Every structure is written in C-alpha cells, then in structure tokens.
PDB file of N, CA and C in Angstrom:
ATOM      1  N   ARG A   1       0.900  -1.213  -0.045  1.00  0.00           N
ATOM      2  CA  ARG A   1      -0.079   0.104  -0.102  1.00  0.00           C
ATOM      3  C   ARG A   1       0.674   1.183  -0.020  1.00  0.00           C
ATOM      4  N   PHE A   2       0.289   2.275  -0.550  1.00  0.00           N
ATOM      5  CA  PHE A   2       0.889   3.607  -0.588  1.00  0.00           C
ATOM      6  C   PHE A   2      -0.180   4.701  -0.539  1.00  0.00           C
ATOM      7  N   GLY A   3       0.403   5.698   0.202  1.00  0.00           N
ATOM      8  CA  GLY A   3      -0.705   6.741   0.278  1.00  0.00           C
ATOM      9  C   GLY A   3       0.109   8.078   0.799  1.00  0.00           C
ATOM     10  N   ILE A   4      -0.666   9.131   0.507  1.00  0.00           N
ATOM     11  CA  ILE A   4       0.012  10.618   0.608  1.00  0.00           C
ATOM     12  C   ILE A   4      -1.224  11.307   1.581  1.00  0.00           C
ATOM     13  N   LYS A   5      -0.546  12.020   2.629  1.00  0.00           N
ATOM     14  CA  LYS A   5      -1.385  12.442   3.497  1.00  0.00           C
ATOM     15  C   LYS A   5      -1.185  14.068   3.781  1.00  0.00           C
ATOM     16  N   TYR A   6      -2.324  15.048   3.585  1.00  0.00           N
ATOM     17  CA  TYR A   6      -2.294  16.308   3.918  1.00  0.00           C
ATOM     18  C   TYR A   6      -3.175  16.675   4.979  1.00  0.00           C
ATOM     19  N   ASP A   7      -2.588  17.439   6.002  1.00  0.00           N
ATOM     20  CA  ASP A   7      -3.590  17.597   7.154  1.00  0.00           C
ATOM     21  C   ASP A   7      -3.418  18.949   7.709  1.00  0.00           C
ATOM     22  N   GLN A   8      -4.644  19.681   7.974  1.00  0.00           N
ATOM     23  CA  GLN A   8      -4.252  20.950   8.614  1.00  0.00           C
ATOM     24  C   GLN A   8      -4.558  20.674  10.139  1.00  0.00           C
ATOM     25  N   THR A   9      -3.618  20.775  10.914  1.00  0.00           N
ATOM     26  CA  THR A   9      -3.803  20.433  12.374  1.00  0.00           C
ATOM     27  C   THR A   9      -4.714  21.586  13.204  1.00  0.00           C
ATOM     28  N   PRO A  10      -4.957  21.135  14.347  1.00  0.00           N
ATOM     29  CA  PRO A  10      -5.890  22.353  15.023  1.00  0.00           C
ATOM     30  C   PRO A  10      -4.850  23.523  15.506  1.00  0.00           C
ATOM     31  N   TYR A  11      -3.799  23.407  15.361  1.00  0.00           N
ATOM     32  CA  TYR A  11      -2.672  24.264  16.183  1.00  0.00           C
ATOM     33  C   TYR A  11      -2.400  25.645  15.176  1.00  0.00           C
ATOM     34  N   THR A  12      -2.592  26.598  16.093  1.00  0.00           N
ATOM     35  CA  THR A  12      -2.153  28.123  15.197  1.00  0.00           C
ATOM     36  C   THR A  12      -1.371  28.620  16.067  1.00  0.00           C
ATOM     37  N   LEU A  13      -0.190  29.130  15.632  1.00  0.00           N
ATOM     38  CA  LEU A  13       1.047  29.666  16.379  1.00  0.00           C
ATOM     39  C   LEU A  13       1.184  31.176  15.366  1.00  0.00           C
ATOM     40  N   ASN A  14       1.405  32.025  15.964  1.00  0.00           N
ATOM     41  CA  ASN A  14       1.548  33.532  15.439  1.00  0.00           C
ATOM     42  C   ASN A  14       0.850  33.804  14.344  1.00  0.00           C
ATOM     43  N   ASN A  15      -0.776  33.158  14.470  1.00  0.00           N
ATOM     44  CA  ASN A  15      -1.676  33.436  13.457  1.00  0.00           C
ATOM     45  C   ASN A  15      -1.347  32.776  12.280  1.00  0.00           C
ATOM     46  N   ILE A  16      -0.525  31.554  12.204  1.00  0.00           N
ATOM     47  CA  ILE A  16      -0.253  30.815  11.206  1.00  0.00           C
ATOM     48  C   ILE A  16      -0.780  29.319  11.602  1.00  0.00           C
ATOM     49  N   GLN A  17      -1.542  28.763  10.584  1.00  0.00           N
ATOM     50  CA  GLN A  17      -2.028  27.360  10.800  1.00  0.00           C
ATOM     51  C   GLN A  17      -0.793  26.395  10.399  1.00  0.00           C
ATOM     52  N   ILE A  18      -0.796  25.403  11.362  1.00  0.00           N
ATOM     53  CA  ILE A  18       0.318  24.403  11.209  1.00  0.00           C
ATOM     54  C   ILE A  18      -0.299  23.212  10.230  1.00  0.00           C
ATOM     55  N   ASP A  19       0.368  22.923   9.161  1.00  0.00           N
ATOM     56  CA  ASP A  19       0.035  21.836   8.460  1.00  0.00           C
ATOM     57  C   ASP A  19       0.940  20.563   8.535  1.00  0.00           C
ATOM     58  N   GLU A  20       0.464  19.604   8.071  1.00  0.00           N
ATOM     59  CA  GLU A  20       1.278  18.155   8.046  1.00  0.00           C
ATOM     60  C   GLU A  20       0.953  17.465   6.784  1.00  0.00           C
ATOM     61  N   ILE A  21       2.193  17.064   6.420  1.00  0.00           N
ATOM     62  CA  ILE A  21       2.106  16.295   5.019  1.00  0.00           C
ATOM     63  C   ILE A  21       3.053  15.178   5.298  1.00  0.00           C
ATOM     64  N   GLY A  22       2.579  14.033   4.583  1.00  0.00           N
ATOM     65  CA  GLY A  22       3.339  12.641   4.930  1.00  0.00           C
ATOM     66  C   GLY A  22       3.077  11.833   3.795  1.00  0.00           C
ATOM     67  N   ILE A  23       4.056  10.666   3.666  1.00  0.00           N
ATOM     68  CA  ILE A  23       3.890   9.667   2.808  1.00  0.00           C
ATOM     69  C   ILE A  23       3.882   8.421   3.524  1.00  0.00           C
ATOM     70  N   ASN A  24       3.131   7.441   3.241  1.00  0.00           N
ATOM     71  CA  ASN A  24       3.125   6.300   3.966  1.00  0.00           C
ATOM     72  C   ASN A  24       3.165   5.005   3.178  1.00  0.00           C
ATOM     73  N   PHE A  25       3.670   3.948   3.544  1.00  0.00           N
ATOM     74  CA  PHE A  25       3.827   2.666   2.998  1.00  0.00           C
ATOM     75  C   PHE A  25       3.344   1.602   3.881  1.00  0.00           C
ATOM     76  N   GLY A  26       2.964   0.609   3.320  1.00  0.00           N
ATOM     77  CA  GLY A  26       2.496  -0.645   4.291  1.00  0.00           C
ATOM     78  C   GLY A  26       2.117  -2.027   3.392  1.00  0.00           C
ATOM     79  N   LEU A  27       1.989  -2.698   4.283  1.00  0.00           N
ATOM     80  CA  LEU A  27       1.691  -4.112   3.636  1.00  0.00           C
ATOM     81  C   LEU A  27       0.923  -4.921   4.664  1.00  0.00           C
ATOM     82  N   SER A  28      -0.033  -6.050   4.140  1.00  0.00           N
ATOM     83  CA  SER A  28      -0.488  -6.964   4.761  1.00  0.00           C
ATOM     84  C   SER A  28      -0.057  -8.179   4.662  1.00  0.00           C
ATOM     85  N   LEU A  29       0.194  -9.044   5.368  1.00  0.00           N
ATOM     86  CA  LEU A  29       0.755 -10.459   5.270  1.00  0.00           C
ATOM     87  C   LEU A  29      -0.213 -11.320   5.768  1.00  0.00           C
ATOM     88  N   PRO A  30      -0.779 -12.259   4.881  1.00  0.00           N
ATOM     89  CA  PRO A  30      -1.758 -13.350   5.466  1.00  0.00           C
ATOM     90  C   PRO A  30      -1.356 -14.194   6.409  1.00  0.00           C
ATOM     91  N   VAL A  31      -2.166 -14.517   7.424  1.00  0.00           N
ATOM     92  CA  VAL A  31      -1.761 -15.342   8.463  1.00  0.00           C
ATOM     93  C   VAL A  31      -3.075 -16.273   8.603  1.00  0.00           C
ATOM     94  N   ALA A  32      -2.816 -17.547   8.544  1.00  0.00           N
ATOM     95  CA  ALA A  32      -3.896 -18.579   8.905  1.00  0.00           C
ATOM     96  C   ALA A  32      -5.134 -18.200   8.442  1.00  0.00           C
ATOM     97  N   ASN A  33      -5.512 -18.637   7.242  1.00  0.00           N
ATOM     98  CA  ASN A  33      -6.950 -18.446   6.753  1.00  0.00           C
ATOM     99  C   ASN A  33      -7.212 -16.930   6.245  1.00  0.00           C
ATOM    100  N   PHE A  34      -8.151 -16.134   6.960  1.00  0.00           N
ATOM    101  CA  PHE A  34      -8.408 -14.780   6.657  1.00  0.00           C
ATOM    102  C   PHE A  34      -7.871 -13.754   7.592  1.00  0.00           C
ATOM    103  N   SER A  35      -7.039 -14.262   8.586  1.00  0.00           N
ATOM    104  CA  SER A  35      -6.397 -13.206   9.405  1.00  0.00           C
ATOM    105  C   SER A  35      -5.213 -12.737   8.558  1.00  0.00           C
ATOM    106  N   SER A  36      -4.561 -11.421   9.137  1.00  0.00           N
ATOM    107  CA  SER A  36      -3.510 -10.735   8.500  1.00  0.00           C
ATOM    108  C   SER A  36      -2.523 -10.014   9.562  1.00  0.00           C
ATOM    109  N   LEU A  37      -1.407  -9.860   9.231  1.00  0.00           N
ATOM    110  CA  LEU A  37      -0.606  -9.184  10.055  1.00  0.00           C
ATOM    111  C   LEU A  37      -0.222  -7.893   9.094  1.00  0.00           C
ATOM    112  N   ASP A  38      -0.558  -6.665   9.731  1.00  0.00           N
ATOM    113  CA  ASP A  38      -0.307  -5.274   8.998  1.00  0.00           C
ATOM    114  C   ASP A  38       0.733  -4.630   9.415  1.00  0.00           C
ATOM    115  N   LEU A  39       1.658  -4.173   8.521  1.00  0.00           N
ATOM    116  CA  LEU A  39       2.908  -3.312   8.915  1.00  0.00           C
ATOM    117  C   LEU A  39       2.863  -2.029   8.148  1.00  0.00           C
ATOM    118  N   GLY A  40       3.304  -0.884   8.711  1.00  0.00           N
ATOM    119  CA  GLY A  40       3.094   0.336   8.046  1.00  0.00           C
ATOM    120  C   GLY A  40       4.297   1.295   8.329  1.00  0.00           C
ATOM    121  N   PHE A  41       4.660   2.324   7.493  1.00  0.00           N
ATOM    122  CA  PHE A  41       5.676   3.322   7.593  1.00  0.00           C
ATOM    123  C   PHE A  41       5.306   4.463   7.103  1.00  0.00           C
ATOM    124  N   GLU A  42       5.500   5.710   8.018  1.00  0.00           N
ATOM    125  CA  GLU A  42       5.068   6.844   7.498  1.00  0.00           C
ATOM    126  C   GLU A  42       6.243   7.844   7.737  1.00  0.00           C
ATOM    127  N   VAL A  43       6.606   8.639   6.520  1.00  0.00           N
ATOM    128  CA  VAL A  43       7.670   9.661   6.864  1.00  0.00           C
ATOM    129  C   VAL A  43       6.719  11.030   6.760  1.00  0.00           C
ATOM    130  N   ALA A  44       6.770  11.917   7.671  1.00  0.00           N
ATOM    131  CA  ALA A  44       6.012  13.049   7.644  1.00  0.00           C
ATOM    132  C   ALA A  44       6.839  14.396   7.958  1.00  0.00           C
ATOM    133  N   ARG A  45       6.201  15.725   7.870  1.00  0.00           N
ATOM    134  CA  ARG A  45       6.754  16.757   8.100  1.00  0.00           C
ATOM    135  C   ARG A  45       5.619  17.687   8.655  1.00  0.00           C
ATOM    136  N   ARG A  46       5.853  18.489   9.774  1.00  0.00           N
ATOM    137  CA  ARG A  46       4.816  19.245  10.296  1.00  0.00           C
ATOM    138  C   ARG A  46       5.602  20.636  10.713  1.00  0.00           C
ATOM    139  N   GLY A  47       4.780  21.736  10.267  1.00  0.00           N
ATOM    140  CA  GLY A  47       5.214  23.016  10.774  1.00  0.00           C
ATOM    141  C   GLY A  47       5.695  23.758   9.603  1.00  0.00           C
ATOM    142  N   THR A  48       6.497  24.837   9.827  1.00  0.00           N
ATOM    143  CA  THR A  48       6.798  25.741   8.854  1.00  0.00           C
ATOM    144  C   THR A  48       8.043  26.681   9.473  1.00  0.00           C
ATOM    145  N   LYS A  49       9.099  26.912   8.783  1.00  0.00           N
ATOM    146  CA  LYS A  49      10.124  27.874   9.046  1.00  0.00           C
ATOM    147  C   LYS A  49       9.822  29.188   9.061  1.00  0.00           C
ATOM    148  N   SER A  50       8.883  29.765   8.410  1.00  0.00           N
ATOM    149  CA  SER A  50       8.374  31.074   8.338  1.00  0.00           C
ATOM    150  C   SER A  50       8.163  31.698   9.666  1.00  0.00           C
ATOM    151  N   ASN A  51       8.472  32.883   9.770  1.00  0.00           N
ATOM    152  CA  ASN A  51       7.980  33.734  10.931  1.00  0.00           C
ATOM    153  C   ASN A  51       8.682  33.170  12.139  1.00  0.00           C
ATOM    154  N   ASN A  52       9.771  32.599  12.076  1.00  0.00           N
ATOM    155  CA  ASN A  52      10.757  32.024  13.197  1.00  0.00           C
ATOM    156  C   ASN A  52       9.938  30.915  14.008  1.00  0.00           C
ATOM    157  N   LEU A  53       9.195  30.047  13.241  1.00  0.00           N
ATOM    158  CA  LEU A  53       8.385  28.958  13.742  1.00  0.00           C
ATOM    159  C   LEU A  53       9.579  27.748  13.448  1.00  0.00           C
ATOM    160  N   ILE A  54       9.019  26.520  13.811  1.00  0.00           N
ATOM    161  CA  ILE A  54       9.856  25.207  13.809  1.00  0.00           C
ATOM    162  C   ILE A  54       9.151  24.305  12.901  1.00  0.00           C
ATOM    163  N   ARG A  55      10.021  23.564  12.150  1.00  0.00           N
ATOM    164  CA  ARG A  55       9.479  22.545  11.213  1.00  0.00           C
ATOM    165  C   ARG A  55      10.105  21.287  11.658  1.00  0.00           C
ATOM    166  N   GLU A  56       9.318  20.262  11.990  1.00  0.00           N
ATOM    167  CA  GLU A  56       9.730  19.072  12.234  1.00  0.00           C
ATOM    168  C   GLU A  56       9.458  17.887  11.268  1.00  0.00           C
ATOM    169  N   GLU A  57      10.582  17.215  11.276  1.00  0.00           N
ATOM    170  CA  GLU A  57      10.398  15.965  10.293  1.00  0.00           C
ATOM    171  C   GLU A  57      10.302  14.666  11.175  1.00  0.00           C
ATOM    172  N   PHE A  58       9.433  13.704  10.943  1.00  0.00           N
ATOM    173  CA  PHE A  58       9.386  12.592  11.562  1.00  0.00           C
ATOM    174  C   PHE A  58       9.095  11.438  11.040  1.00  0.00           C
ATOM    175  N   PHE A  59       9.030  10.141  11.703  1.00  0.00           N
ATOM    176  CA  PHE A  59       8.625   9.045  11.058  1.00  0.00           C
ATOM    177  C   PHE A  59       7.852   8.198  11.995  1.00  0.00           C
ATOM    178  N   ARG A  60       6.980   7.367  11.459  1.00  0.00           N
ATOM    179  CA  ARG A  60       6.080   6.493  12.462  1.00  0.00           C
ATOM    180  C   ARG A  60       6.179   5.037  11.897  1.00  0.00           C
ATOM    181  N   PHE A  61       6.105   4.105  12.802  1.00  0.00           N
ATOM    182  CA  PHE A  61       6.033   2.791  12.401  1.00  0.00           C
ATOM    183  C   PHE A  61       4.448   2.293  12.871  1.00  0.00           C
ATOM    184  N   TYR A  62       3.892   1.431  12.183  1.00  0.00           N
ATOM    185  CA  TYR A  62       2.589   1.010  12.394  1.00  0.00           C
ATOM    186  C   TYR A  62       2.692  -0.666  12.586  1.00  0.00           C
ATOM    187  N   PHE A  63       1.820  -1.074  13.505  1.00  0.00           N
ATOM    188  CA  PHE A  63       1.776  -2.491  13.541  1.00  0.00           C
ATOM    189  C   PHE A  63       0.508  -2.965  13.949  1.00  0.00           C
ATOM    190  N   GLY A  64      -0.227  -3.799  13.242  1.00  0.00           N
ATOM    191  CA  GLY A  64      -1.428  -4.196  13.732  1.00  0.00           C
ATOM    192  C   GLY A  64      -1.885  -5.681  13.320  1.00  0.00           C
ATOM    193  N   PHE A  65      -2.868  -6.361  13.687  1.00  0.00           N
ATOM    194  CA  PHE A  65      -3.285  -7.631  13.520  1.00  0.00           C
ATOM    195  C   PHE A  65      -4.741  -7.690  13.282  1.00  0.00           C
ATOM    196  N   THR A  66      -5.165  -8.111  12.253  1.00  0.00           N
ATOM    197  CA  THR A  66      -6.673  -8.162  11.981  1.00  0.00           C
ATOM    198  C   THR A  66      -7.107  -9.786  12.010  1.00  0.00           C
ATOM    199  N   PHE A  67      -8.056  -9.938  12.875  1.00  0.00           N
ATOM    200  CA  PHE A  67      -8.465 -11.493  13.171  1.00  0.00           C
ATOM    201  C   PHE A  67      -9.981 -11.548  12.644  1.00  0.00           C
ATOM    202  N   MET A  68     -10.156 -12.406  11.545  1.00  0.00           N
ATOM    203  CA  MET A  68     -11.471 -12.463  11.097  1.00  0.00           C
ATOM    204  C   MET A  68     -11.742 -13.879  11.419  1.00  0.00           C
ATOM    205  N   ASP A  69     -12.693 -14.226  12.234  1.00  0.00           N
ATOM    206  CA  ASP A  69     -13.464 -15.454  12.375  1.00  0.00           C
ATOM    207  C   ASP A  69     -14.679 -15.350  11.530  1.00  0.00           C
ATOM    208  N   ASN A  70     -14.864 -16.072  10.386  1.00  0.00           N
ATOM    209  CA  ASN A  70     -15.979 -16.159   9.886  1.00  0.00           C
ATOM    210  C   ASN A  70     -17.094 -17.228   9.958  1.00  0.00           C
ATOM    211  N   ASN A  71     -16.751 -17.847  11.331  1.00  0.00           N
ATOM    212  CA  ASN A  71     -17.612 -18.848  11.810  1.00  0.00           C
ATOM    213  C   ASN A  71     -18.839 -18.137  12.296  1.00  0.00           C
ATOM    214  N   TRP A  72     -18.736 -16.889  12.760  1.00  0.00           N
ATOM    215  CA  TRP A  72     -20.178 -16.144  13.155  1.00  0.00           C
ATOM    216  C   TRP A  72     -21.210 -16.023  12.132  1.00  0.00           C
ATOM    217  N   PHE A  73     -20.947 -16.078  10.942  1.00  0.00           N
ATOM    218  CA  PHE A  73     -21.729 -15.712   9.545  1.00  0.00           C
ATOM    219  C   PHE A  73     -22.202 -17.079   8.969  1.00  0.00           C
ATOM    220  N   ARG A  74     -21.695 -18.287   9.344  1.00  0.00           N
ATOM    221  CA  ARG A  74     -22.142 -19.535   8.669  1.00  0.00           C
ATOM    222  C   ARG A  74     -23.348 -20.095   9.234  1.00  0.00           C
ATOM    223  N   ARG A  75     -24.171 -20.501   8.355  1.00  0.00           N
ATOM    224  CA  ARG A  75     -25.448 -21.312   8.850  1.00  0.00           C
ATOM    225  C   ARG A  75     -25.176 -22.580   9.381  1.00  0.00           C
ATOM    226  N   PRO A  76     -26.028 -23.093  10.410  1.00  0.00           N
ATOM    227  CA  PRO A  76     -25.831 -24.387  10.828  1.00  0.00           C
ATOM    228  C   PRO A  76     -26.293 -25.325   9.830  1.00  0.00           C
ATOM    229  N   LYS A  77     -25.468 -26.606   9.723  1.00  0.00           N
ATOM    230  CA  LYS A  77     -25.910 -27.261   8.883  1.00  0.00           C
ATOM    231  C   LYS A  77     -27.002 -28.230   9.250  1.00  0.00           C
ATOM    232  N   PHE A  78     -27.034 -28.464  10.515  1.00  0.00           N
ATOM    233  CA  PHE A  78     -28.244 -29.254  11.368  1.00  0.00           C
ATOM    234  C   PHE A  78     -28.753 -28.453  12.205  1.00  0.00           C
ATOM    235  N   ASN A  79     -30.297 -28.814  12.342  1.00  0.00           N
ATOM    236  CA  ASN A  79     -31.083 -28.056  13.309  1.00  0.00           C
ATOM    237  C   ASN A  79     -31.227 -28.932  14.672  1.00  0.00           C
TER     238      ASN A  79
END
C-alpha cells in the first residue's frame, strides 16, 4: 500500500495554521485463513520555518493484526 496525507492540524502559532504532510507505505501479510498481519511506515513533516517557527520531520511505524473469524456468519448445517 502507498498513500499521501495532507492535514491541517488544530494548532495555530502567530496566526499561522500548522500543516502536516506525509507519505506512507504498508503491507498486509496473510496469517492462517483470513487473518492478517499489518505493517506500515510513514515519513512526515509538520510546521513551517516562516515567521521564526519550527518545522519538524518525523517517522512512524505501524503494527496491527486483523483477526477475522468467519464462523459467526455460517449457517448451521443441522437443526
């Protein structure tokens, strides 16, 4: 997976709105039937250097697990 993010944060400093922009990458690895292991990485930048403000560059790692149990929606074979 690949994505681009642009967000206006709720922060305002010296009457300047702080923006955040980032690029993220990720993948899902199948694990036993329909479950999956989700991994992601994001590189982003927040803020601005204009008007003596600070711009920060950072990265994030994401980790998740999706557990899907399809037995909930199966009809019983016998009554």
